[in-house]
Amino acid sequence: MIKYSVVIVDDHTLLSQAIAGMVNTFDKFKVLYTCKNGQELIDKFSNSPKNIPDVVLMDINMPIMNGIETTEWITNNHPAVDVMALSVEDADATVLKMLKVGAIGYLLKDTEKSVLEHALIEVAENGFFHTKNVTNLLMQSISGNGKNSITFKERELTFMKLACTELTYKEIADKMCLSPKTIDGYRDVLFTKLNVKNRVGLVMYAIKNKIYTL
């Protein structure tokens, strides 16, 4: 079985170790290492490509370099790495800041073990995870001129609708009878058109503008 690699960034050592132990019990995941702050993570990334994981579980409040700054750095320098916030912070402004700099999910630290495992699977395999509360918050915050102000090709609309489902990008490519590389092209074009950084932003735009209905 293929296992997804995970790195945990949290300045509380005992908690970080506990989360690592929990994640290592999940069938599809293994923890590569833990870091105490964002700068330590950047140093690890710079030292070796083997240190770059599939998913980063990111705390928010940390010394030296916090979670928001670190997530933005990862988004800009390693966009293939998925970042999911795991924090005690539940303020709307903090959640939105994390999502806007590139986090593709947000969980509180008091979440159930089963929810964390499900969230990691969604992030690793489908590219995003969001709770109902986060979805509602994004819907309230996303600004846009409406779908009529942007012109979409028919296949872009088809891709956008399929991206709102649980299908992986590879499965979307199969369903549309296109190569994964072509699908990546549609994704990148839409990210640019809509000024979003990840699949969460794409989904929220589609829902807000009634391109996709729940």
N, C-alpha and C. Protein backbone atom coordinates (compact mmCIF):
# COMPACT_ATOMS: atom_id res chain seq x y z
N MET A 1 0.84 -1.20 0.00
CA MET A 1 0.00 0.00 0.00
C MET A 1 0.88 1.26 0.00
N ILE A 2 0.55 2.19 -0.89
CA ILE A 2 1.27 3.45 -0.94
C ILE A 2 0.89 4.29 0.28
N LYS A 3 1.90 4.83 0.96
CA LYS A 3 1.63 5.69 2.11
C LYS A 3 2.02 7.12 1.78
N TYR A 4 1.18 8.06 2.19
CA TYR A 4 1.47 9.48 2.00
C TYR A 4 2.34 9.96 3.16
N SER A 5 3.31 10.78 2.84
CA SER A 5 4.22 11.30 3.87
C SER A 5 3.66 12.58 4.48
N VAL A 6 3.84 12.72 5.77
CA VAL A 6 3.29 13.85 6.53
C VAL A 6 4.39 14.46 7.38
N VAL A 7 4.40 15.79 7.46
CA VAL A 7 5.27 16.51 8.39
C VAL A 7 4.37 17.34 9.31
N ILE A 8 4.72 17.38 10.57
CA ILE A 8 3.94 18.13 11.55
C ILE A 8 4.77 19.31 12.04
N VAL A 9 4.19 20.51 11.97
CA VAL A 9 4.87 21.72 12.41
C VAL A 9 4.10 22.30 13.60
N ASP A 10 4.70 22.22 14.77
CA ASP A 10 4.03 22.66 16.00
C ASP A 10 5.10 22.90 17.05
N ASP A 11 5.01 24.02 17.75
CA ASP A 11 6.04 24.36 18.73
C ASP A 11 5.86 23.65 20.06
N HIS A 12 4.78 22.95 20.25
CA HIS A 12 4.58 22.18 21.48
C HIS A 12 5.06 20.74 21.25
N THR A 13 6.22 20.42 21.77
CA THR A 13 6.89 19.16 21.45
C THR A 13 6.06 17.93 21.80
N LEU A 14 5.51 17.89 23.02
CA LEU A 14 4.75 16.71 23.44
C LEU A 14 3.51 16.52 22.57
N LEU A 15 2.83 17.61 22.26
CA LEU A 15 1.64 17.53 21.41
C LEU A 15 2.03 17.09 20.00
N SER A 16 3.11 17.64 19.49
CA SER A 16 3.58 17.28 18.16
C SER A 16 3.89 15.79 18.10
N GLN A 17 4.55 15.28 19.11
CA GLN A 17 4.88 13.85 19.15
C GLN A 17 3.63 12.99 19.25
N ALA A 18 2.65 13.47 20.02
CA ALA A 18 1.39 12.73 20.16
C ALA A 18 0.64 12.66 18.83
N ILE A 19 0.60 13.79 18.11
CA ILE A 19 -0.06 13.82 16.81
C ILE A 19 0.67 12.90 15.83
N ALA A 20 2.00 12.94 15.88
CA ALA A 20 2.80 12.08 15.00
C ALA A 20 2.50 10.61 15.28
N GLY A 21 2.42 10.25 16.54
CA GLY A 21 2.10 8.88 16.90
C GLY A 21 0.73 8.46 16.40
N MET A 22 -0.23 9.39 16.48
CA MET A 22 -1.57 9.10 16.00
C MET A 22 -1.59 8.91 14.49
N VAL A 23 -0.95 9.84 13.77
CA VAL A 23 -0.94 9.76 12.31
C VAL A 23 -0.26 8.47 11.84
N ASN A 24 0.75 8.04 12.54
CA ASN A 24 1.45 6.81 12.16
C ASN A 24 0.60 5.56 12.32
N THR A 25 -0.51 5.67 13.03
CA THR A 25 -1.43 4.53 13.15
C THR A 25 -2.40 4.47 11.96
N PHE A 26 -2.46 5.53 11.15
CA PHE A 26 -3.35 5.54 10.00
C PHE A 26 -2.73 4.72 8.87
N ASP A 27 -3.52 3.89 8.23
CA ASP A 27 -3.00 2.96 7.22
C ASP A 27 -2.29 3.65 6.06
N LYS A 28 -2.78 4.81 5.67
CA LYS A 28 -2.28 5.44 4.45
C LYS A 28 -1.22 6.52 4.68
N PHE A 29 -0.77 6.68 5.92
CA PHE A 29 0.12 7.81 6.23
C PHE A 29 1.31 7.41 7.10
N LYS A 30 2.41 8.13 6.89
CA LYS A 30 3.58 7.98 7.74
C LYS A 30 4.18 9.37 7.98
N VAL A 31 4.65 9.61 9.19
CA VAL A 31 5.24 10.90 9.53
C VAL A 31 6.73 10.87 9.25
N LEU A 32 7.21 11.84 8.46
CA LEU A 32 8.65 11.92 8.16
C LEU A 32 9.42 12.52 9.32
N TYR A 33 8.91 13.62 9.86
CA TYR A 33 9.57 14.30 10.97
C TYR A 33 8.64 15.39 11.50
N THR A 34 9.03 16.02 12.58
CA THR A 34 8.28 17.15 13.14
C THR A 34 9.20 18.37 13.22
N CYS A 35 8.60 19.55 13.19
CA CYS A 35 9.35 20.81 13.30
C CYS A 35 8.68 21.70 14.35
N LYS A 36 9.48 22.58 14.95
CA LYS A 36 8.97 23.47 15.99
C LYS A 36 8.49 24.81 15.46
N ASN A 37 8.86 25.14 14.22
CA ASN A 37 8.43 26.41 13.63
C ASN A 37 8.66 26.37 12.12
N GLY A 38 8.20 27.40 11.45
CA GLY A 38 8.29 27.44 10.00
C GLY A 38 9.71 27.49 9.47
N GLN A 39 10.59 28.21 10.16
CA GLN A 39 11.97 28.31 9.69
C GLN A 39 12.65 26.96 9.72
N GLU A 40 12.36 26.18 10.75
CA GLU A 40 12.94 24.83 10.84
C GLU A 40 12.46 23.98 9.66
N LEU A 41 11.20 24.14 9.29
CA LEU A 41 10.65 23.40 8.15
C LEU A 41 11.35 23.82 6.85
N ILE A 42 11.51 25.11 6.65
CA ILE A 42 12.17 25.61 5.43
C ILE A 42 13.60 25.07 5.35
N ASP A 43 14.29 25.04 6.48
CA ASP A 43 15.65 24.50 6.50
C ASP A 43 15.65 23.02 6.10
N LYS A 44 14.68 22.27 6.59
CA LYS A 44 14.57 20.86 6.24
C LYS A 44 14.31 20.70 4.74
N PHE A 45 13.38 21.50 4.20
CA PHE A 45 13.08 21.44 2.77
C PHE A 45 14.32 21.73 1.94
N SER A 46 15.12 22.68 2.41
CA SER A 46 16.30 23.11 1.65
C SER A 46 17.42 22.08 1.70
N ASN A 47 17.45 21.27 2.75
CA ASN A 47 18.53 20.31 2.93
C ASN A 47 18.46 19.13 1.97
N SER A 48 17.24 18.67 1.67
CA SER A 48 17.11 17.48 0.83
C SER A 48 15.70 17.35 0.27
N PRO A 49 15.58 16.96 -1.00
CA PRO A 49 14.25 16.71 -1.58
C PRO A 49 13.50 15.60 -0.84
N LYS A 50 14.25 14.71 -0.19
CA LYS A 50 13.61 13.62 0.56
C LYS A 50 12.84 14.13 1.77
N ASN A 51 13.12 15.38 2.17
CA ASN A 51 12.43 15.96 3.33
C ASN A 51 11.11 16.61 2.96
N ILE A 52 10.77 16.64 1.67
CA ILE A 52 9.55 17.31 1.22
C ILE A 52 8.40 16.31 1.21
N PRO A 53 7.38 16.51 2.05
CA PRO A 53 6.30 15.53 2.20
C PRO A 53 5.14 15.78 1.23
N ASP A 54 4.16 14.91 1.32
CA ASP A 54 2.91 15.12 0.57
C ASP A 54 2.01 16.12 1.29
N VAL A 55 1.99 16.03 2.62
CA VAL A 55 1.08 16.86 3.42
C VAL A 55 1.82 17.44 4.62
N VAL A 56 1.52 18.70 4.93
CA VAL A 56 2.03 19.33 6.15
C VAL A 56 0.84 19.67 7.05
N LEU A 57 0.90 19.21 8.30
CA LEU A 57 -0.07 19.62 9.31
C LEU A 57 0.54 20.81 10.03
N MET A 58 -0.12 21.98 9.90
CA MET A 58 0.49 23.24 10.31
C MET A 58 -0.23 23.91 11.47
N ASP A 59 0.53 24.16 12.54
CA ASP A 59 0.02 24.98 13.64
C ASP A 59 0.06 26.45 13.19
N ILE A 60 -0.63 27.33 13.91
CA ILE A 60 -0.68 28.74 13.51
C ILE A 60 0.31 29.57 14.33
N ASN A 61 0.12 29.60 15.64
CA ASN A 61 0.95 30.45 16.50
C ASN A 61 2.24 29.74 16.88
N MET A 62 3.35 30.18 16.27
CA MET A 62 4.66 29.61 16.57
C MET A 62 5.70 30.73 16.57
N PRO A 63 6.77 30.57 17.34
CA PRO A 63 7.83 31.58 17.33
C PRO A 63 8.64 31.52 16.04
N ILE A 64 9.40 32.55 15.79
CA ILE A 64 10.34 32.66 14.66
C ILE A 64 9.61 32.81 13.33
N MET A 65 8.77 31.83 12.99
CA MET A 65 7.99 31.91 11.74
C MET A 65 6.68 31.18 11.95
N ASN A 66 5.57 31.91 11.89
CA ASN A 66 4.28 31.31 12.23
C ASN A 66 3.68 30.52 11.06
N GLY A 67 2.52 29.93 11.32
CA GLY A 67 1.90 29.06 10.33
C GLY A 67 1.43 29.77 9.09
N ILE A 68 0.95 30.99 9.22
CA ILE A 68 0.48 31.74 8.06
C ILE A 68 1.64 32.07 7.13
N GLU A 69 2.74 32.57 7.70
CA GLU A 69 3.92 32.91 6.91
C GLU A 69 4.51 31.66 6.25
N THR A 70 4.53 30.56 6.99
CA THR A 70 5.11 29.33 6.48
C THR A 70 4.26 28.74 5.36
N THR A 71 2.95 28.78 5.53
CA THR A 71 2.05 28.26 4.50
C THR A 71 2.18 29.05 3.21
N GLU A 72 2.32 30.36 3.33
CA GLU A 72 2.50 31.19 2.14
C GLU A 72 3.81 30.84 1.43
N TRP A 73 4.85 30.60 2.21
CA TRP A 73 6.14 30.21 1.63
C TRP A 73 6.02 28.88 0.90
N ILE A 74 5.35 27.92 1.50
CA ILE A 74 5.18 26.61 0.86
C ILE A 74 4.38 26.75 -0.43
N THR A 75 3.30 27.53 -0.39
CA THR A 75 2.47 27.73 -1.57
C THR A 75 3.28 28.31 -2.72
N ASN A 76 4.15 29.24 -2.42
CA ASN A 76 4.95 29.91 -3.45
C ASN A 76 6.13 29.08 -3.93
N ASN A 77 6.69 28.26 -3.05
CA ASN A 77 7.91 27.53 -3.39
C ASN A 77 7.74 26.04 -3.63
N HIS A 78 6.72 25.45 -3.02
CA HIS A 78 6.46 24.01 -3.19
C HIS A 78 4.94 23.79 -3.32
N PRO A 79 4.34 24.26 -4.40
CA PRO A 79 2.88 24.20 -4.54
C PRO A 79 2.30 22.79 -4.56
N ALA A 80 3.14 21.78 -4.80
CA ALA A 80 2.64 20.40 -4.81
C ALA A 80 2.41 19.87 -3.39
N VAL A 81 2.96 20.56 -2.39
CA VAL A 81 2.79 20.14 -1.00
C VAL A 81 1.47 20.69 -0.47
N ASP A 82 0.63 19.81 0.05
CA ASP A 82 -0.66 20.23 0.61
C ASP A 82 -0.50 20.61 2.08
N VAL A 83 -1.06 21.75 2.45
CA VAL A 83 -0.99 22.22 3.84
C VAL A 83 -2.38 22.20 4.46
N MET A 84 -2.51 21.54 5.59
CA MET A 84 -3.76 21.58 6.35
C MET A 84 -3.47 22.15 7.73
N ALA A 85 -4.19 23.19 8.09
CA ALA A 85 -4.01 23.80 9.40
C ALA A 85 -4.57 22.90 10.49
N LEU A 86 -3.84 22.79 11.59
CA LEU A 86 -4.31 22.06 12.76
C LEU A 86 -3.97 22.94 13.95
N SER A 87 -4.99 23.61 14.50
CA SER A 87 -4.73 24.68 15.45
C SER A 87 -5.83 24.77 16.51
N VAL A 88 -5.53 25.50 17.58
CA VAL A 88 -6.56 25.82 18.58
C VAL A 88 -7.27 27.11 18.18
N GLU A 89 -6.72 27.84 17.22
CA GLU A 89 -7.28 29.11 16.78
C GLU A 89 -8.57 28.87 15.98
N ASP A 90 -9.66 29.49 16.40
CA ASP A 90 -10.91 29.32 15.65
C ASP A 90 -11.50 30.66 15.21
N ALA A 91 -10.72 31.74 15.33
CA ALA A 91 -11.20 33.06 14.90
C ALA A 91 -11.36 33.07 13.38
N ASP A 92 -12.47 33.62 12.92
CA ASP A 92 -12.76 33.64 11.48
C ASP A 92 -11.61 34.27 10.69
N ALA A 93 -11.07 35.36 11.20
CA ALA A 93 -10.01 36.07 10.48
C ALA A 93 -8.78 35.18 10.30
N THR A 94 -8.45 34.39 11.32
CA THR A 94 -7.28 33.51 11.24
C THR A 94 -7.52 32.39 10.24
N VAL A 95 -8.71 31.80 10.29
CA VAL A 95 -9.05 30.74 9.34
C VAL A 95 -8.94 31.25 7.91
N LEU A 96 -9.50 32.41 7.66
CA LEU A 96 -9.48 32.98 6.30
C LEU A 96 -8.06 33.29 5.85
N LYS A 97 -7.24 33.81 6.75
CA LYS A 97 -5.85 34.12 6.39
C LYS A 97 -5.12 32.85 5.95
N MET A 98 -5.33 31.78 6.69
CA MET A 98 -4.66 30.53 6.34
C MET A 98 -5.13 30.01 4.98
N LEU A 99 -6.43 30.06 4.75
CA LEU A 99 -6.96 29.56 3.47
C LEU A 99 -6.52 30.44 2.31
N LYS A 100 -6.44 31.74 2.54
CA LYS A 100 -6.06 32.65 1.47
C LYS A 100 -4.59 32.54 1.09
N VAL A 101 -3.74 32.11 2.01
CA VAL A 101 -2.33 31.95 1.66
C VAL A 101 -2.03 30.55 1.12
N GLY A 102 -3.06 29.69 1.07
CA GLY A 102 -2.86 28.42 0.40
C GLY A 102 -3.22 27.15 1.14
N ALA A 103 -3.61 27.23 2.43
CA ALA A 103 -4.02 26.02 3.14
C ALA A 103 -5.26 25.44 2.48
N ILE A 104 -5.31 24.11 2.37
CA ILE A 104 -6.46 23.50 1.70
C ILE A 104 -7.39 22.79 2.68
N GLY A 105 -7.18 23.05 3.96
CA GLY A 105 -8.06 22.51 4.98
C GLY A 105 -7.75 23.16 6.31
N TYR A 106 -8.70 23.09 7.24
CA TYR A 106 -8.51 23.72 8.55
C TYR A 106 -9.25 22.88 9.59
N LEU A 107 -8.50 22.37 10.56
CA LEU A 107 -9.08 21.59 11.64
C LEU A 107 -8.63 22.15 12.98
N LEU A 108 -9.49 22.01 13.97
CA LEU A 108 -9.12 22.37 15.34
C LEU A 108 -8.48 21.16 16.02
N LYS A 109 -7.62 21.43 17.00
CA LYS A 109 -6.87 20.35 17.64
C LYS A 109 -7.72 19.43 18.49
N ASP A 110 -8.94 19.85 18.81
CA ASP A 110 -9.80 18.98 19.61
C ASP A 110 -10.64 18.06 18.74
N THR A 111 -10.30 17.97 17.45
CA THR A 111 -11.06 17.13 16.54
C THR A 111 -10.86 15.65 16.88
N GLU A 112 -11.81 14.83 16.49
CA GLU A 112 -11.73 13.40 16.73
C GLU A 112 -10.67 12.77 15.83
N LYS A 113 -10.07 11.67 16.30
CA LYS A 113 -9.05 10.96 15.54
C LYS A 113 -9.57 10.54 14.16
N SER A 114 -10.78 10.04 14.12
CA SER A 114 -11.36 9.58 12.85
C SER A 114 -11.55 10.72 11.86
N VAL A 115 -11.87 11.90 12.38
CA VAL A 115 -12.05 13.07 11.50
C VAL A 115 -10.71 13.49 10.93
N LEU A 116 -9.66 13.46 11.74
CA LEU A 116 -8.33 13.81 11.26
C LEU A 116 -7.89 12.85 10.16
N GLU A 117 -8.12 11.57 10.36
CA GLU A 117 -7.74 10.59 9.33
C GLU A 117 -8.51 10.83 8.04
N HIS A 118 -9.82 11.06 8.17
CA HIS A 118 -10.64 11.34 6.98
C HIS A 118 -10.16 12.59 6.27
N ALA A 119 -9.85 13.63 7.04
CA ALA A 119 -9.39 14.88 6.46
C ALA A 119 -8.07 14.69 5.71
N LEU A 120 -7.17 13.93 6.28
CA LEU A 120 -5.88 13.67 5.61
C LEU A 120 -6.08 12.91 4.31
N ILE A 121 -6.98 11.96 4.32
CA ILE A 121 -7.27 11.20 3.09
C ILE A 121 -7.84 12.13 2.02
N GLU A 122 -8.77 12.98 2.41
CA GLU A 122 -9.37 13.92 1.46
C GLU A 122 -8.32 14.86 0.88
N VAL A 123 -7.46 15.36 1.74
CA VAL A 123 -6.41 16.29 1.30
C VAL A 123 -5.44 15.59 0.35
N ALA A 124 -4.98 14.40 0.73
CA ALA A 124 -3.98 13.69 -0.07
C ALA A 124 -4.53 13.19 -1.40
N GLU A 125 -5.79 12.74 -1.40
CA GLU A 125 -6.33 12.10 -2.60
C GLU A 125 -7.20 13.02 -3.44
N ASN A 126 -7.85 14.00 -2.83
CA ASN A 126 -8.77 14.85 -3.58
C ASN A 126 -8.36 16.31 -3.64
N GLY A 127 -7.35 16.68 -2.86
CA GLY A 127 -6.82 18.03 -2.98
C GLY A 127 -7.45 19.08 -2.09
N PHE A 128 -8.41 18.71 -1.26
CA PHE A 128 -8.97 19.69 -0.33
C PHE A 128 -9.82 19.00 0.72
N PHE A 129 -10.03 19.70 1.83
CA PHE A 129 -10.95 19.24 2.87
C PHE A 129 -11.49 20.47 3.58
N HIS A 130 -12.77 20.52 3.74
CA HIS A 130 -13.34 21.65 4.49
C HIS A 130 -14.58 21.19 5.25
N THR A 131 -14.69 21.65 6.49
CA THR A 131 -15.86 21.37 7.30
C THR A 131 -16.99 22.30 6.87
N LYS A 132 -18.18 22.03 7.35
CA LYS A 132 -19.33 22.87 7.02
C LYS A 132 -19.11 24.30 7.48
N ASN A 133 -18.53 24.48 8.67
CA ASN A 133 -18.30 25.83 9.18
C ASN A 133 -17.32 26.61 8.30
N VAL A 134 -16.26 25.94 7.86
CA VAL A 134 -15.29 26.59 6.99
C VAL A 134 -15.91 26.92 5.64
N THR A 135 -16.73 26.01 5.13
CA THR A 135 -17.42 26.27 3.86
C THR A 135 -18.29 27.51 3.96
N ASN A 136 -19.06 27.61 5.04
CA ASN A 136 -19.93 28.77 5.22
C ASN A 136 -19.11 30.06 5.34
N LEU A 137 -18.00 29.97 6.04
CA LEU A 137 -17.14 31.14 6.21
C LEU A 137 -16.58 31.60 4.86
N LEU A 138 -16.13 30.65 4.06
CA LEU A 138 -15.60 30.98 2.74
C LEU A 138 -16.67 31.58 1.84
N MET A 139 -17.87 31.02 1.91
CA MET A 139 -18.97 31.52 1.08
C MET A 139 -19.28 32.97 1.40
N GLN A 140 -19.17 33.30 2.69
CA GLN A 140 -19.46 34.67 3.12
C GLN A 140 -18.35 35.64 2.72
N SER A 141 -17.13 35.12 2.60
CA SER A 141 -15.99 36.00 2.41
C SER A 141 -15.55 36.17 0.97
N ILE A 142 -15.82 35.15 0.14
CA ILE A 142 -15.32 35.21 -1.24
C ILE A 142 -16.00 36.34 -1.98
N SER A 143 -15.19 37.18 -2.56
CA SER A 143 -15.73 38.26 -3.38
C SER A 143 -15.49 37.91 -4.83
N GLY A 144 -16.38 38.36 -5.69
CA GLY A 144 -16.22 38.07 -7.10
C GLY A 144 -17.21 38.88 -7.89
N ASN A 145 -16.98 38.94 -9.17
CA ASN A 145 -17.87 39.70 -10.03
C ASN A 145 -18.98 38.85 -10.64
N GLY A 146 -18.99 37.58 -10.27
CA GLY A 146 -20.02 36.71 -10.82
C GLY A 146 -19.49 35.97 -12.03
N LYS A 147 -20.10 34.80 -12.33
CA LYS A 147 -19.57 33.96 -13.40
C LYS A 147 -19.71 34.62 -14.76
N ASN A 148 -20.67 35.55 -14.91
CA ASN A 148 -20.89 36.16 -16.21
C ASN A 148 -19.79 37.14 -16.60
N SER A 149 -18.98 37.56 -15.63
CA SER A 149 -17.91 38.52 -15.93
C SER A 149 -16.66 37.81 -16.43
N ILE A 150 -16.61 36.49 -16.33
CA ILE A 150 -15.47 35.71 -16.79
C ILE A 150 -15.97 34.71 -17.83
N THR A 151 -15.26 34.62 -18.91
CA THR A 151 -15.65 33.68 -19.97
C THR A 151 -14.96 32.35 -19.76
N PHE A 152 -15.76 31.27 -19.75
CA PHE A 152 -15.23 29.93 -19.58
C PHE A 152 -15.49 29.10 -20.84
N LYS A 153 -14.51 28.29 -21.17
CA LYS A 153 -14.73 27.32 -22.24
C LYS A 153 -15.57 26.18 -21.68
N GLU A 154 -16.24 25.48 -22.57
CA GLU A 154 -17.14 24.41 -22.12
C GLU A 154 -16.39 23.37 -21.29
N ARG A 155 -15.19 23.02 -21.74
CA ARG A 155 -14.43 22.00 -21.01
C ARG A 155 -13.92 22.52 -19.67
N GLU A 156 -13.68 23.81 -19.57
CA GLU A 156 -13.29 24.39 -18.29
C GLU A 156 -14.44 24.28 -17.30
N LEU A 157 -15.65 24.52 -17.77
CA LEU A 157 -16.83 24.39 -16.90
C LEU A 157 -17.02 22.94 -16.47
N THR A 158 -16.83 22.02 -17.42
CA THR A 158 -16.95 20.59 -17.09
C THR A 158 -15.93 20.20 -16.04
N PHE A 159 -14.69 20.65 -16.24
CA PHE A 159 -13.64 20.36 -15.27
C PHE A 159 -13.98 20.95 -13.90
N MET A 160 -14.47 22.19 -13.89
CA MET A 160 -14.78 22.85 -12.63
C MET A 160 -15.86 22.08 -11.86
N LYS A 161 -16.88 21.61 -12.58
CA LYS A 161 -17.95 20.85 -11.92
C LYS A 161 -17.41 19.55 -11.35
N LEU A 162 -16.56 18.87 -12.11
CA LEU A 162 -16.00 17.61 -11.64
C LEU A 162 -15.04 17.83 -10.48
N ALA A 163 -14.36 18.99 -10.47
CA ALA A 163 -13.44 19.31 -9.37
C ALA A 163 -14.19 19.52 -8.06
N CYS A 164 -15.48 19.77 -8.14
CA CYS A 164 -16.30 19.96 -6.94
C CYS A 164 -16.74 18.63 -6.33
N THR A 165 -16.44 17.53 -7.01
CA THR A 165 -16.78 16.20 -6.50
C THR A 165 -15.58 15.61 -5.78
N GLU A 166 -15.70 14.35 -5.38
CA GLU A 166 -14.60 13.69 -4.67
C GLU A 166 -13.61 13.03 -5.62
N LEU A 167 -13.78 13.22 -6.92
CA LEU A 167 -12.87 12.62 -7.89
C LEU A 167 -11.47 13.22 -7.77
N THR A 168 -10.45 12.41 -7.93
CA THR A 168 -9.08 12.92 -7.99
C THR A 168 -8.87 13.54 -9.37
N TYR A 169 -7.80 14.29 -9.51
CA TYR A 169 -7.51 14.89 -10.82
C TYR A 169 -7.30 13.80 -11.88
N LYS A 170 -6.68 12.68 -11.52
CA LYS A 170 -6.48 11.59 -12.47
C LYS A 170 -7.82 11.00 -12.90
N GLU A 171 -8.74 10.85 -11.94
CA GLU A 171 -10.06 10.31 -12.27
C GLU A 171 -10.85 11.28 -13.14
N ILE A 172 -10.66 12.58 -12.89
CA ILE A 172 -11.30 13.59 -13.74
C ILE A 172 -10.76 13.48 -15.17
N ALA A 173 -9.46 13.30 -15.30
CA ALA A 173 -8.84 13.13 -16.62
C ALA A 173 -9.44 11.93 -17.34
N ASP A 174 -9.59 10.81 -16.63
CA ASP A 174 -10.19 9.61 -17.23
C ASP A 174 -11.63 9.87 -17.66
N LYS A 175 -12.38 10.55 -16.81
CA LYS A 175 -13.79 10.81 -17.10
C LYS A 175 -13.95 11.74 -18.30
N MET A 176 -13.03 12.68 -18.46
CA MET A 176 -13.10 13.62 -19.57
C MET A 176 -12.34 13.12 -20.80
N CYS A 177 -11.76 11.92 -20.68
CA CYS A 177 -10.98 11.32 -21.77
C CYS A 177 -9.83 12.22 -22.21
N LEU A 178 -9.15 12.79 -21.22
CA LEU A 178 -8.03 13.67 -21.47
C LEU A 178 -6.82 13.19 -20.67
N SER A 179 -5.66 13.67 -21.03
CA SER A 179 -4.46 13.29 -20.28
C SER A 179 -4.39 14.08 -18.98
N PRO A 180 -3.74 13.52 -17.96
CA PRO A 180 -3.56 14.27 -16.70
C PRO A 180 -2.87 15.61 -16.93
N LYS A 181 -1.96 15.68 -17.89
CA LYS A 181 -1.26 16.93 -18.18
C LYS A 181 -2.23 17.99 -18.68
N THR A 182 -3.19 17.59 -19.52
CA THR A 182 -4.19 18.53 -20.02
C THR A 182 -5.07 19.02 -18.88
N ILE A 183 -5.44 18.11 -18.00
CA ILE A 183 -6.25 18.48 -16.83
C ILE A 183 -5.50 19.46 -15.95
N ASP A 184 -4.21 19.22 -15.76
CA ASP A 184 -3.40 20.16 -14.99
C ASP A 184 -3.42 21.54 -15.64
N GLY A 185 -3.44 21.56 -16.96
CA GLY A 185 -3.51 22.83 -17.69
C GLY A 185 -4.81 23.56 -17.43
N TYR A 186 -5.95 22.85 -17.49
CA TYR A 186 -7.24 23.46 -17.17
C TYR A 186 -7.25 24.02 -15.76
N ARG A 187 -6.70 23.22 -14.84
CA ARG A 187 -6.67 23.65 -13.44
C ARG A 187 -5.88 24.95 -13.28
N ASP A 188 -4.68 25.00 -13.88
CA ASP A 188 -3.82 26.17 -13.74
C ASP A 188 -4.44 27.40 -14.38
N VAL A 189 -5.10 27.22 -15.53
CA VAL A 189 -5.76 28.34 -16.21
C VAL A 189 -6.88 28.89 -15.33
N LEU A 190 -7.67 27.99 -14.73
CA LEU A 190 -8.78 28.43 -13.88
C LEU A 190 -8.27 29.10 -12.61
N PHE A 191 -7.20 28.58 -12.04
CA PHE A 191 -6.63 29.22 -10.85
C PHE A 191 -6.26 30.66 -11.18
N THR A 192 -5.69 30.86 -12.37
CA THR A 192 -5.29 32.21 -12.77
C THR A 192 -6.50 33.09 -13.05
N LYS A 193 -7.47 32.56 -13.79
CA LYS A 193 -8.68 33.33 -14.13
C LYS A 193 -9.42 33.79 -12.88
N LEU A 194 -9.51 32.90 -11.91
CA LEU A 194 -10.33 33.17 -10.73
C LEU A 194 -9.51 33.77 -9.58
N ASN A 195 -8.19 33.85 -9.78
CA ASN A 195 -7.31 34.37 -8.75
C ASN A 195 -7.44 33.58 -7.45
N VAL A 196 -7.41 32.24 -7.59
CA VAL A 196 -7.44 31.36 -6.43
C VAL A 196 -6.16 30.53 -6.43
N LYS A 197 -5.82 29.98 -5.26
CA LYS A 197 -4.54 29.28 -5.13
C LYS A 197 -4.67 27.77 -5.05
N ASN A 198 -5.89 27.27 -4.86
CA ASN A 198 -6.04 25.83 -4.72
C ASN A 198 -7.46 25.39 -5.04
N ARG A 199 -7.70 24.09 -4.89
CA ARG A 199 -8.98 23.50 -5.26
C ARG A 199 -10.12 24.02 -4.39
N VAL A 200 -9.81 24.33 -3.14
CA VAL A 200 -10.84 24.89 -2.26
C VAL A 200 -11.41 26.18 -2.84
N GLY A 201 -10.52 27.07 -3.29
CA GLY A 201 -10.98 28.32 -3.88
C GLY A 201 -11.80 28.09 -5.13
N LEU A 202 -11.39 27.13 -5.94
CA LEU A 202 -12.11 26.79 -7.16
C LEU A 202 -13.52 26.29 -6.84
N VAL A 203 -13.61 25.41 -5.87
CA VAL A 203 -14.91 24.85 -5.46
C VAL A 203 -15.82 25.94 -4.90
N MET A 204 -15.27 26.79 -4.06
CA MET A 204 -16.09 27.85 -3.48
C MET A 204 -16.60 28.82 -4.54
N TYR A 205 -15.77 29.11 -5.53
CA TYR A 205 -16.21 29.98 -6.62
C TYR A 205 -17.36 29.32 -7.38
N ALA A 206 -17.20 28.02 -7.68
CA ALA A 206 -18.22 27.31 -8.44
C ALA A 206 -19.56 27.27 -7.70
N ILE A 207 -19.48 27.06 -6.38
CA ILE A 207 -20.71 27.01 -5.57
C ILE A 207 -21.35 28.39 -5.47
N LYS A 208 -20.53 29.39 -5.20
CA LYS A 208 -21.03 30.75 -5.03
C LYS A 208 -21.73 31.25 -6.30
N ASN A 209 -21.16 30.89 -7.44
CA ASN A 209 -21.69 31.37 -8.71
C ASN A 209 -22.62 30.36 -9.39
N LYS A 210 -23.02 29.33 -8.61
CA LYS A 210 -24.02 28.36 -9.05
C LYS A 210 -23.63 27.60 -10.30
N ILE A 211 -22.32 27.47 -10.48
CA ILE A 211 -21.81 26.58 -11.52
C ILE A 211 -21.98 25.15 -11.08
N TYR A 212 -21.86 24.96 -9.74
CA TYR A 212 -22.09 23.64 -9.15
C TYR A 212 -23.01 23.82 -7.96
N THR A 213 -23.99 22.96 -7.85
CA THR A 213 -24.93 23.05 -6.72
C THR A 213 -24.80 21.81 -5.86
N LEU A 214 -24.86 22.02 -4.55
CA LEU A 214 -24.74 20.91 -3.60
C LEU A 214 -26.03 20.11 -3.54
